[in-house]
N, C-alpha and C. Protein backbone atom coordinates (compact mmCIF):
# COMPACT_ATOMS: atom_id res chain seq x y z
N UNK A 1 4.31 1.50 15.62
CA UNK A 1 4.92 1.73 14.33
C UNK A 1 6.37 2.15 14.56
N UNK A 2 7.29 1.41 13.95
CA UNK A 2 8.71 1.76 14.02
C UNK A 2 9.01 2.77 12.92
N UNK A 3 9.81 3.76 13.27
CA UNK A 3 10.16 4.74 12.25
C UNK A 3 11.47 4.33 11.60
N UNK A 4 11.45 4.26 10.29
CA UNK A 4 12.64 3.96 9.51
C UNK A 4 13.49 5.22 9.53
N UNK A 5 14.78 5.06 9.70
CA UNK A 5 15.68 6.20 9.71
C UNK A 5 15.87 6.68 8.27
N UNK A 6 15.23 7.77 7.92
CA UNK A 6 15.30 8.33 6.57
C UNK A 6 16.12 9.60 6.65
N UNK A 7 17.25 9.67 5.94
CA UNK A 7 18.06 10.90 5.99
C UNK A 7 17.32 12.06 5.33
N UNK A 8 17.02 13.10 6.11
CA UNK A 8 16.20 14.21 5.61
C UNK A 8 16.91 15.02 4.53
N UNK A 9 18.25 15.02 4.52
CA UNK A 9 18.96 15.78 3.49
C UNK A 9 18.87 15.10 2.12
N UNK A 10 18.47 13.83 2.08
CA UNK A 10 18.36 13.09 0.82
C UNK A 10 16.97 13.19 0.20
N UNK A 11 16.01 13.72 0.97
CA UNK A 11 14.63 13.83 0.47
C UNK A 11 14.48 15.11 -0.32
N UNK A 12 13.86 14.99 -1.51
CA UNK A 12 13.58 16.17 -2.33
C UNK A 12 12.09 16.49 -2.21
N UNK A 13 11.80 17.73 -1.89
CA UNK A 13 10.41 18.20 -1.76
C UNK A 13 10.08 19.16 -2.89
N UNK A 14 8.80 19.15 -3.27
CA UNK A 14 8.32 20.13 -4.24
C UNK A 14 6.88 20.46 -3.85
N UNK A 15 6.56 21.73 -3.86
CA UNK A 15 5.21 22.18 -3.56
C UNK A 15 4.52 22.56 -4.86
N UNK A 16 3.24 22.23 -4.96
CA UNK A 16 2.48 22.54 -6.17
C UNK A 16 1.06 22.91 -5.76
N UNK A 17 0.29 23.38 -6.73
CA UNK A 17 -1.10 23.74 -6.45
C UNK A 17 -1.91 22.46 -6.31
N UNK A 18 -2.71 22.41 -5.27
CA UNK A 18 -3.56 21.24 -5.03
C UNK A 18 -4.75 21.27 -5.98
N UNK A 19 -5.25 20.11 -6.31
CA UNK A 19 -6.41 20.03 -7.20
C UNK A 19 -7.68 20.05 -6.37
N UNK A 20 -8.81 20.15 -7.03
CA UNK A 20 -10.09 20.10 -6.34
C UNK A 20 -10.56 21.46 -5.89
N UNK A 21 -11.74 21.50 -5.25
CA UNK A 21 -12.29 22.76 -4.81
C UNK A 21 -11.45 23.37 -3.69
N UNK A 22 -11.37 24.69 -3.66
CA UNK A 22 -10.49 25.30 -2.67
C UNK A 22 -11.13 26.43 -1.91
N UNK A 23 -11.56 27.42 -2.58
CA UNK A 23 -12.09 28.59 -1.90
C UNK A 23 -11.17 29.78 -2.15
N UNK A 24 -11.19 30.70 -1.23
CA UNK A 24 -10.36 31.89 -1.39
C UNK A 24 -8.88 31.53 -1.37
N UNK A 25 -8.11 32.17 -2.15
CA UNK A 25 -6.66 32.01 -2.27
C UNK A 25 -6.23 30.63 -2.79
N UNK A 26 -7.16 29.86 -3.34
CA UNK A 26 -6.79 28.53 -3.81
C UNK A 26 -5.82 28.58 -4.98
N UNK A 27 -5.92 29.62 -5.81
CA UNK A 27 -5.02 29.71 -6.96
C UNK A 27 -3.72 30.44 -6.63
N UNK A 28 -3.55 30.81 -5.38
CA UNK A 28 -2.33 31.53 -4.99
C UNK A 28 -1.44 30.73 -4.06
N UNK A 29 -1.94 29.62 -3.54
CA UNK A 29 -1.18 28.88 -2.54
C UNK A 29 -0.82 27.51 -3.06
N UNK A 30 0.42 27.11 -2.86
CA UNK A 30 0.89 25.79 -3.26
C UNK A 30 0.93 24.91 -2.01
N UNK A 31 -0.14 24.16 -1.79
CA UNK A 31 -0.21 23.35 -0.57
C UNK A 31 0.06 21.88 -0.81
N UNK A 32 -0.04 21.43 -2.05
CA UNK A 32 0.25 20.03 -2.36
C UNK A 32 1.75 19.80 -2.23
N UNK A 33 2.13 18.68 -1.62
CA UNK A 33 3.54 18.37 -1.43
C UNK A 33 3.87 17.07 -2.14
N UNK A 34 4.94 17.09 -2.91
CA UNK A 34 5.47 15.89 -3.55
C UNK A 34 6.86 15.67 -2.99
N UNK A 35 7.18 14.42 -2.68
CA UNK A 35 8.53 14.14 -2.20
C UNK A 35 9.07 12.90 -2.89
N UNK A 36 10.39 12.89 -3.05
CA UNK A 36 11.10 11.78 -3.66
C UNK A 36 12.31 11.45 -2.80
N UNK A 37 12.63 10.17 -2.72
CA UNK A 37 13.88 9.73 -2.10
C UNK A 37 14.35 8.49 -2.86
N UNK A 38 15.63 8.45 -3.16
CA UNK A 38 16.19 7.31 -3.86
C UNK A 38 16.20 6.10 -2.94
N UNK A 39 15.85 4.95 -3.48
CA UNK A 39 15.82 3.73 -2.68
C UNK A 39 17.22 3.44 -2.14
N UNK A 40 18.24 3.76 -2.91
CA UNK A 40 19.62 3.54 -2.47
C UNK A 40 20.02 4.39 -1.29
N UNK A 41 19.34 5.52 -1.07
CA UNK A 41 19.68 6.42 0.04
C UNK A 41 19.02 6.02 1.36
N UNK A 42 18.11 5.05 1.32
CA UNK A 42 17.46 4.61 2.55
C UNK A 42 18.46 3.84 3.41
N UNK A 43 18.38 4.03 4.71
CA UNK A 43 19.30 3.38 5.63
C UNK A 43 18.73 2.02 6.06
N UNK A 44 18.60 1.13 5.08
CA UNK A 44 18.14 -0.23 5.33
C UNK A 44 19.07 -1.19 4.59
N UNK A 45 18.97 -2.47 4.88
CA UNK A 45 19.87 -3.45 4.27
C UNK A 45 19.55 -3.63 2.78
N UNK A 46 20.48 -4.23 2.06
CA UNK A 46 20.28 -4.46 0.62
C UNK A 46 19.09 -5.38 0.36
N UNK A 47 18.91 -6.38 1.21
CA UNK A 47 17.78 -7.29 1.05
C UNK A 47 16.46 -6.53 1.22
N UNK A 48 16.42 -5.62 2.21
CA UNK A 48 15.22 -4.82 2.43
C UNK A 48 14.99 -3.86 1.28
N UNK A 49 16.05 -3.31 0.69
CA UNK A 49 15.90 -2.43 -0.48
C UNK A 49 15.31 -3.20 -1.64
N UNK A 50 15.74 -4.44 -1.81
CA UNK A 50 15.21 -5.26 -2.90
C UNK A 50 13.72 -5.52 -2.68
N UNK A 51 13.33 -5.84 -1.43
CA UNK A 51 11.91 -6.05 -1.11
C UNK A 51 11.11 -4.78 -1.37
N UNK A 52 11.67 -3.63 -0.98
CA UNK A 52 10.98 -2.35 -1.18
C UNK A 52 10.78 -2.08 -2.67
N UNK A 53 11.80 -2.37 -3.47
CA UNK A 53 11.68 -2.16 -4.92
C UNK A 53 10.58 -3.04 -5.52
N UNK A 54 10.47 -4.28 -5.03
CA UNK A 54 9.46 -5.19 -5.57
C UNK A 54 8.05 -4.78 -5.14
N UNK A 55 7.88 -4.49 -3.85
CA UNK A 55 6.54 -4.22 -3.33
C UNK A 55 6.05 -2.80 -3.63
N UNK A 56 6.97 -1.87 -3.84
CA UNK A 56 6.58 -0.48 -4.12
C UNK A 56 6.85 -0.11 -5.58
N UNK A 57 6.83 -1.09 -6.46
CA UNK A 57 7.18 -0.85 -7.87
C UNK A 57 6.31 0.24 -8.50
N UNK A 58 5.04 0.32 -8.11
CA UNK A 58 4.14 1.34 -8.69
C UNK A 58 4.37 2.72 -8.07
N UNK A 59 5.22 2.83 -7.06
CA UNK A 59 5.56 4.12 -6.46
C UNK A 59 7.00 4.53 -6.75
N UNK A 60 7.68 3.78 -7.61
CA UNK A 60 9.08 4.06 -7.91
C UNK A 60 9.19 4.51 -9.36
N UNK A 61 9.88 5.64 -9.57
CA UNK A 61 10.01 6.18 -10.92
C UNK A 61 11.25 5.61 -11.61
N UNK A 62 11.53 6.09 -12.81
CA UNK A 62 12.65 5.57 -13.60
C UNK A 62 14.02 5.93 -13.00
N UNK A 63 14.07 6.86 -12.04
CA UNK A 63 15.33 7.22 -11.38
C UNK A 63 15.54 6.42 -10.09
N UNK A 64 14.75 5.36 -9.87
CA UNK A 64 14.82 4.51 -8.68
C UNK A 64 14.51 5.33 -7.42
N UNK A 65 13.52 6.21 -7.52
CA UNK A 65 13.11 7.04 -6.39
C UNK A 65 11.68 6.69 -5.99
N UNK A 66 11.45 6.59 -4.69
CA UNK A 66 10.09 6.42 -4.20
C UNK A 66 9.43 7.79 -4.22
N UNK A 67 8.20 7.84 -4.74
CA UNK A 67 7.50 9.10 -4.96
C UNK A 67 6.21 9.09 -4.16
N UNK A 68 5.98 10.15 -3.37
CA UNK A 68 4.77 10.27 -2.55
C UNK A 68 4.21 11.67 -2.73
N UNK A 69 2.89 11.79 -2.87
CA UNK A 69 2.24 13.10 -2.91
C UNK A 69 1.19 13.15 -1.82
N UNK A 70 0.97 14.34 -1.33
CA UNK A 70 -0.05 14.56 -0.30
C UNK A 70 -0.66 15.93 -0.52
N UNK A 71 -2.00 15.99 -0.60
CA UNK A 71 -2.67 17.28 -0.82
C UNK A 71 -3.96 17.39 -0.02
N UNK A 72 -4.08 16.59 1.01
CA UNK A 72 -5.33 16.55 1.76
C UNK A 72 -5.55 17.79 2.64
N UNK A 73 -4.50 18.27 3.25
CA UNK A 73 -4.63 19.40 4.17
C UNK A 73 -4.50 20.73 3.42
N UNK A 74 -4.88 21.82 4.09
CA UNK A 74 -4.78 23.15 3.48
C UNK A 74 -3.45 23.81 3.78
N UNK A 75 -2.62 23.15 4.58
CA UNK A 75 -1.33 23.71 4.96
C UNK A 75 -0.21 22.87 4.35
N UNK A 76 0.76 23.54 3.77
CA UNK A 76 1.89 22.85 3.17
C UNK A 76 2.69 22.07 4.22
N UNK A 77 2.86 22.64 5.40
CA UNK A 77 3.62 21.98 6.46
C UNK A 77 2.93 20.69 6.92
N UNK A 78 1.61 20.74 7.05
CA UNK A 78 0.87 19.55 7.47
C UNK A 78 0.94 18.47 6.39
N UNK A 79 0.86 18.89 5.12
CA UNK A 79 0.96 17.93 4.03
C UNK A 79 2.37 17.32 3.98
N UNK A 80 3.38 18.11 4.28
CA UNK A 80 4.75 17.61 4.31
C UNK A 80 4.90 16.54 5.40
N UNK A 81 4.35 16.82 6.59
CA UNK A 81 4.42 15.86 7.68
C UNK A 81 3.66 14.58 7.34
N UNK A 82 2.48 14.74 6.73
CA UNK A 82 1.69 13.57 6.34
C UNK A 82 2.40 12.74 5.26
N UNK A 83 3.05 13.43 4.32
CA UNK A 83 3.77 12.72 3.26
C UNK A 83 4.94 11.94 3.84
N UNK A 84 5.66 12.54 4.78
CA UNK A 84 6.77 11.82 5.43
C UNK A 84 6.27 10.62 6.22
N UNK A 85 5.15 10.78 6.92
CA UNK A 85 4.59 9.66 7.67
C UNK A 85 4.14 8.55 6.73
N UNK A 86 3.54 8.94 5.59
CA UNK A 86 3.09 7.94 4.62
C UNK A 86 4.26 7.22 3.99
N UNK A 87 5.33 7.97 3.68
CA UNK A 87 6.54 7.35 3.13
C UNK A 87 7.09 6.33 4.11
N UNK A 88 7.17 6.72 5.38
CA UNK A 88 7.68 5.82 6.41
C UNK A 88 6.81 4.56 6.52
N UNK A 89 5.51 4.75 6.49
CA UNK A 89 4.59 3.63 6.60
C UNK A 89 4.71 2.69 5.39
N UNK A 90 4.85 3.28 4.19
CA UNK A 90 4.99 2.48 2.98
C UNK A 90 6.26 1.63 3.04
N UNK A 91 7.36 2.24 3.44
CA UNK A 91 8.63 1.51 3.51
C UNK A 91 8.55 0.42 4.57
N UNK A 92 7.96 0.77 5.71
CA UNK A 92 7.84 -0.21 6.80
C UNK A 92 7.01 -1.42 6.37
N UNK A 93 5.89 -1.17 5.68
CA UNK A 93 5.05 -2.27 5.22
C UNK A 93 5.73 -3.08 4.13
N UNK A 94 6.55 -2.43 3.31
CA UNK A 94 7.22 -3.12 2.22
C UNK A 94 8.31 -4.07 2.72
N UNK A 95 8.98 -3.69 3.79
CA UNK A 95 10.09 -4.53 4.26
C UNK A 95 9.67 -5.50 5.35
N UNK A 96 8.40 -5.45 5.75
CA UNK A 96 7.92 -6.39 6.77
C UNK A 96 7.81 -7.78 6.17
N UNK A 97 8.35 -8.76 6.87
CA UNK A 97 8.28 -10.15 6.43
C UNK A 97 6.98 -10.73 6.96
N UNK A 98 6.12 -11.24 6.08
CA UNK A 98 4.83 -11.76 6.54
C UNK A 98 5.03 -13.03 7.38
N UNK A 99 4.14 -13.23 8.33
CA UNK A 99 4.19 -14.43 9.17
C UNK A 99 3.88 -15.64 8.30
N UNK A 100 4.57 -16.75 8.52
CA UNK A 100 4.30 -17.93 7.69
C UNK A 100 2.90 -18.47 7.96
N UNK A 101 2.24 -18.91 6.91
CA UNK A 101 0.89 -19.44 7.03
C UNK A 101 0.97 -20.86 7.54
N UNK A 102 0.18 -21.14 8.54
CA UNK A 102 0.12 -22.50 9.08
C UNK A 102 -1.11 -23.17 8.47
N UNK A 103 -0.90 -24.17 7.60
CA UNK A 103 -2.05 -24.81 6.97
C UNK A 103 -2.91 -25.55 8.00
N UNK A 104 -4.21 -25.45 7.84
CA UNK A 104 -5.14 -26.10 8.77
C UNK A 104 -6.09 -27.00 8.00
N UNK A 105 -6.66 -27.94 8.69
CA UNK A 105 -7.66 -28.84 8.12
C UNK A 105 -9.04 -28.24 8.37
N UNK A 106 -9.96 -28.37 7.41
CA UNK A 106 -11.31 -27.90 7.70
C UNK A 106 -11.94 -28.82 8.76
N UNK A 107 -12.78 -28.29 9.64
CA UNK A 107 -13.40 -29.13 10.66
C UNK A 107 -14.35 -30.16 10.05
N UNK A 108 -14.64 -31.21 10.82
CA UNK A 108 -15.45 -32.32 10.34
C UNK A 108 -16.84 -31.85 9.90
N UNK A 109 -17.43 -30.92 10.69
CA UNK A 109 -18.78 -30.47 10.33
C UNK A 109 -18.78 -29.74 8.99
N UNK A 110 -17.68 -29.04 8.65
CA UNK A 110 -17.61 -28.33 7.37
C UNK A 110 -17.53 -29.33 6.21
N UNK A 111 -16.76 -30.41 6.41
CA UNK A 111 -16.67 -31.44 5.36
C UNK A 111 -18.03 -32.10 5.15
N UNK A 112 -18.72 -32.41 6.26
CA UNK A 112 -20.03 -33.06 6.16
C UNK A 112 -21.05 -32.14 5.48
N UNK A 113 -21.01 -30.86 5.80
CA UNK A 113 -21.93 -29.89 5.20
C UNK A 113 -21.68 -29.81 3.69
N UNK A 114 -20.40 -29.78 3.30
CA UNK A 114 -20.05 -29.71 1.88
C UNK A 114 -20.57 -30.93 1.13
N UNK A 115 -20.42 -32.09 1.71
CA UNK A 115 -20.89 -33.32 1.05
C UNK A 115 -22.41 -33.34 0.97
N UNK A 116 -23.09 -32.90 2.06
CA UNK A 116 -24.56 -32.82 2.03
C UNK A 116 -25.03 -31.92 0.89
N UNK A 117 -24.39 -30.75 0.75
CA UNK A 117 -24.79 -29.81 -0.31
C UNK A 117 -24.50 -30.38 -1.69
N UNK A 118 -23.40 -31.10 -1.83
CA UNK A 118 -23.10 -31.73 -3.12
C UNK A 118 -24.16 -32.77 -3.48
N UNK A 119 -24.60 -33.51 -2.48
CA UNK A 119 -25.63 -34.54 -2.73
C UNK A 119 -26.94 -33.90 -3.15
N UNK A 120 -27.28 -32.75 -2.53
CA UNK A 120 -28.52 -32.05 -2.89
C UNK A 120 -28.45 -31.60 -4.34
N UNK A 121 -27.33 -31.01 -4.75
CA UNK A 121 -27.16 -30.53 -6.13
C UNK A 121 -27.19 -31.72 -7.09
N UNK A 122 -26.54 -32.80 -6.69
CA UNK A 122 -26.50 -34.00 -7.54
C UNK A 122 -27.91 -34.55 -7.74
N UNK A 123 -28.68 -34.64 -6.64
CA UNK A 123 -30.04 -35.16 -6.72
C UNK A 123 -30.90 -34.26 -7.61
N UNK A 124 -30.75 -32.95 -7.49
CA UNK A 124 -31.51 -32.00 -8.29
C UNK A 124 -31.22 -32.21 -9.77
N UNK A 125 -29.96 -32.39 -10.13
CA UNK A 125 -29.59 -32.56 -11.54
C UNK A 125 -30.05 -33.93 -12.05
N UNK A 126 -30.02 -34.92 -11.15
CA UNK A 126 -30.47 -36.27 -11.53
C UNK A 126 -31.96 -36.27 -11.87
N UNK A 127 -32.73 -35.47 -11.12
CA UNK A 127 -34.16 -35.39 -11.36
C UNK A 127 -34.49 -34.69 -12.67
N UNK A 128 -33.59 -33.85 -13.15
CA UNK A 128 -33.83 -33.11 -14.41
C UNK A 128 -33.64 -34.00 -15.63
N UNK A 129 -32.88 -35.08 -15.47
CA UNK A 129 -32.58 -35.94 -16.63
C UNK A 129 -33.85 -36.60 -17.15
N UNK A 130 -33.85 -36.79 -18.46
CA UNK A 130 -34.97 -37.51 -19.07
C UNK A 130 -34.54 -38.95 -19.27
N UNK A 131 -35.47 -39.85 -19.10
CA UNK A 131 -35.16 -41.27 -19.21
C UNK A 131 -35.46 -41.80 -20.57
């Protein structure tokens, strides 16, 4: 996995109370981490920014910021690290150019099997007809 160079001073963090069952001190600790970074602040090319905007449209708010939340761990620091890793992974997957598909022919046995099955269905329907 290649790490995208994300300027840390451009990332905005916010800690909040995590949802779900917690246990002791659950209502006193803010372990959920939310982070935002503007797509324009990413150190990638304009073409890659356009791809990121298209593929991550459901993670981009009205301020053109990519938004990630993480609340799985009980520690705010661990959630922050996980959120940064997830942000990096999301951006990396969004700007990856897929390999071109090489069209292939179905093998001869597959064509013959398909025709055999079509004949069976055809014969079955032919037998149902009334004369």
